[in-house]
Amino acid sequence: MNEDIKNIAKENNIRLWRVAEKLGVSDSNFSRMLRYKLSKEDKDRILAVIKELVIDD
């Protein structure tokens, strides 16, 4: 589930732990979140964080 988020992060060389850190959650909790269907709001927020991390790098 949420392979699109994982793939976008991977394509942009963004580690998932960095996304979790920026969201204010632990790496393990973020990994658990990605196992289930996310709301559109949560998905949009995660994608925005990835985009922000890409710009910062």
N, C-alpha and C. Protein backbone atom coordinates (compact mmCIF):
# COMPACT_ATOMS: atom_id res chain seq x y z
N MET A 1 0.83 -1.18 0.00
CA MET A 1 0.00 0.00 0.00
C MET A 1 0.88 1.25 0.00
N ASN A 2 0.42 2.30 -0.60
CA ASN A 2 1.14 3.58 -0.67
C ASN A 2 2.49 3.46 -1.37
N GLU A 3 2.55 2.55 -2.32
CA GLU A 3 3.79 2.37 -3.08
C GLU A 3 4.16 3.65 -3.83
N ASP A 4 3.16 4.44 -4.21
CA ASP A 4 3.44 5.68 -4.93
C ASP A 4 4.28 6.63 -4.08
N ILE A 5 3.95 6.74 -2.80
CA ILE A 5 4.71 7.60 -1.90
C ILE A 5 6.14 7.08 -1.77
N LYS A 6 6.26 5.79 -1.56
CA LYS A 6 7.59 5.18 -1.41
C LYS A 6 8.42 5.38 -2.68
N ASN A 7 7.79 5.20 -3.83
CA ASN A 7 8.51 5.35 -5.10
C ASN A 7 8.93 6.79 -5.36
N ILE A 8 8.06 7.74 -5.06
CA ILE A 8 8.40 9.16 -5.26
C ILE A 8 9.57 9.54 -4.37
N ALA A 9 9.54 9.09 -3.12
CA ALA A 9 10.65 9.38 -2.21
C ALA A 9 11.94 8.75 -2.74
N LYS A 10 11.85 7.51 -3.17
CA LYS A 10 13.03 6.80 -3.66
C LYS A 10 13.60 7.46 -4.91
N GLU A 11 12.73 7.84 -5.85
CA GLU A 11 13.17 8.48 -7.09
C GLU A 11 13.90 9.80 -6.82
N ASN A 12 13.53 10.45 -5.72
CA ASN A 12 14.13 11.74 -5.37
C ASN A 12 15.21 11.63 -4.30
N ASN A 13 15.63 10.38 -4.03
CA ASN A 13 16.67 10.12 -3.03
C ASN A 13 16.34 10.70 -1.65
N ILE A 14 15.08 10.62 -1.28
CA ILE A 14 14.63 11.07 0.03
C ILE A 14 14.34 9.85 0.88
N ARG A 15 15.01 9.74 2.00
CA ARG A 15 14.80 8.61 2.92
C ARG A 15 13.49 8.81 3.67
N LEU A 16 12.79 7.71 3.88
CA LEU A 16 11.50 7.80 4.57
C LEU A 16 11.64 8.29 6.00
N TRP A 17 12.78 8.02 6.64
CA TRP A 17 12.96 8.50 8.01
C TRP A 17 13.01 10.03 8.04
N ARG A 18 13.50 10.65 6.95
CA ARG A 18 13.53 12.12 6.89
C ARG A 18 12.12 12.68 6.75
N VAL A 19 11.27 11.98 5.99
CA VAL A 19 9.87 12.40 5.86
C VAL A 19 9.20 12.29 7.22
N ALA A 20 9.43 11.18 7.91
CA ALA A 20 8.84 10.97 9.23
C ALA A 20 9.28 12.07 10.19
N GLU A 21 10.57 12.38 10.18
CA GLU A 21 11.11 13.41 11.06
C GLU A 21 10.43 14.75 10.81
N LYS A 22 10.27 15.09 9.54
CA LYS A 22 9.65 16.37 9.16
C LYS A 22 8.17 16.40 9.57
N LEU A 23 7.52 15.23 9.55
CA LEU A 23 6.12 15.14 9.96
C LEU A 23 5.96 15.11 11.48
N GLY A 24 7.07 14.90 12.19
CA GLY A 24 7.02 14.86 13.64
C GLY A 24 6.57 13.52 14.20
N VAL A 25 6.80 12.45 13.44
CA VAL A 25 6.47 11.10 13.91
C VAL A 25 7.73 10.24 13.84
N SER A 26 7.73 9.15 14.58
CA SER A 26 8.89 8.26 14.54
C SER A 26 8.91 7.50 13.21
N ASP A 27 10.08 7.04 12.87
CA ASP A 27 10.27 6.26 11.64
C ASP A 27 9.36 5.03 11.64
N SER A 28 9.30 4.34 12.77
CA SER A 28 8.48 3.12 12.84
C SER A 28 6.99 3.44 12.71
N ASN A 29 6.54 4.53 13.32
CA ASN A 29 5.13 4.91 13.18
C ASN A 29 4.80 5.30 11.74
N PHE A 30 5.73 5.98 11.09
CA PHE A 30 5.50 6.38 9.71
C PHE A 30 5.41 5.14 8.82
N SER A 31 6.29 4.18 9.05
CA SER A 31 6.25 2.94 8.28
C SER A 31 4.92 2.22 8.48
N ARG A 32 4.43 2.24 9.70
CA ARG A 32 3.12 1.63 9.98
C ARG A 32 2.01 2.38 9.26
N MET A 33 2.09 3.71 9.25
CA MET A 33 1.08 4.52 8.55
C MET A 33 0.98 4.12 7.09
N LEU A 34 2.14 3.85 6.48
CA LEU A 34 2.17 3.55 5.05
C LEU A 34 1.61 2.18 4.72
N ARG A 35 1.37 1.36 5.72
CA ARG A 35 0.80 0.03 5.48
C ARG A 35 -0.70 0.07 5.21
N TYR A 36 -1.33 1.19 5.53
CA TYR A 36 -2.78 1.30 5.42
C TYR A 36 -3.15 2.44 4.49
N LYS A 37 -4.39 2.41 4.03
CA LYS A 37 -4.87 3.46 3.15
C LYS A 37 -4.87 4.79 3.90
N LEU A 38 -4.29 5.79 3.26
CA LEU A 38 -4.21 7.12 3.86
C LEU A 38 -5.35 7.98 3.34
N SER A 39 -5.76 8.94 4.16
CA SER A 39 -6.75 9.91 3.69
C SER A 39 -6.06 10.80 2.66
N LYS A 40 -6.85 11.45 1.84
CA LYS A 40 -6.29 12.35 0.82
C LYS A 40 -5.46 13.44 1.48
N GLU A 41 -5.93 13.94 2.61
CA GLU A 41 -5.22 15.00 3.32
C GLU A 41 -3.84 14.53 3.80
N ASP A 42 -3.80 13.33 4.38
CA ASP A 42 -2.53 12.79 4.86
C ASP A 42 -1.56 12.55 3.70
N LYS A 43 -2.09 12.00 2.62
CA LYS A 43 -1.26 11.72 1.45
C LYS A 43 -0.70 13.03 0.87
N ASP A 44 -1.56 14.04 0.76
CA ASP A 44 -1.12 15.34 0.24
C ASP A 44 -0.05 15.96 1.13
N ARG A 45 -0.22 15.82 2.45
CA ARG A 45 0.74 16.38 3.40
C ARG A 45 2.10 15.67 3.26
N ILE A 46 2.08 14.36 3.11
CA ILE A 46 3.32 13.60 2.96
C ILE A 46 4.02 13.98 1.65
N LEU A 47 3.26 14.09 0.57
CA LEU A 47 3.85 14.46 -0.72
C LEU A 47 4.42 15.87 -0.68
N ALA A 48 3.76 16.77 0.06
CA ALA A 48 4.27 18.13 0.22
C ALA A 48 5.60 18.13 0.98
N VAL A 49 5.70 17.29 1.99
CA VAL A 49 6.95 17.18 2.75
C VAL A 49 8.07 16.65 1.86
N ILE A 50 7.77 15.64 1.06
CA ILE A 50 8.78 15.10 0.14
C ILE A 50 9.25 16.20 -0.81
N LYS A 51 8.31 16.94 -1.35
CA LYS A 51 8.65 18.03 -2.27
C LYS A 51 9.53 19.07 -1.57
N GLU A 52 9.18 19.40 -0.35
CA GLU A 52 9.96 20.36 0.44
C GLU A 52 11.39 19.85 0.68
N LEU A 53 11.52 18.57 0.99
CA LEU A 53 12.84 17.99 1.22
C LEU A 53 13.67 17.98 -0.06
N VAL A 54 13.03 17.76 -1.20
CA VAL A 54 13.74 17.78 -2.48
C VAL A 54 14.29 19.18 -2.74
N ILE A 55 13.48 20.19 -2.48
CA ILE A 55 13.90 21.57 -2.70
C ILE A 55 15.05 21.94 -1.77
N ASP A 56 14.98 21.47 -0.52
CA ASP A 56 16.02 21.79 0.47
C ASP A 56 17.35 21.13 0.17
N ASP A 57 17.32 20.01 -0.55
CA ASP A 57 18.58 19.29 -0.84
C ASP A 57 19.35 19.91 -1.93
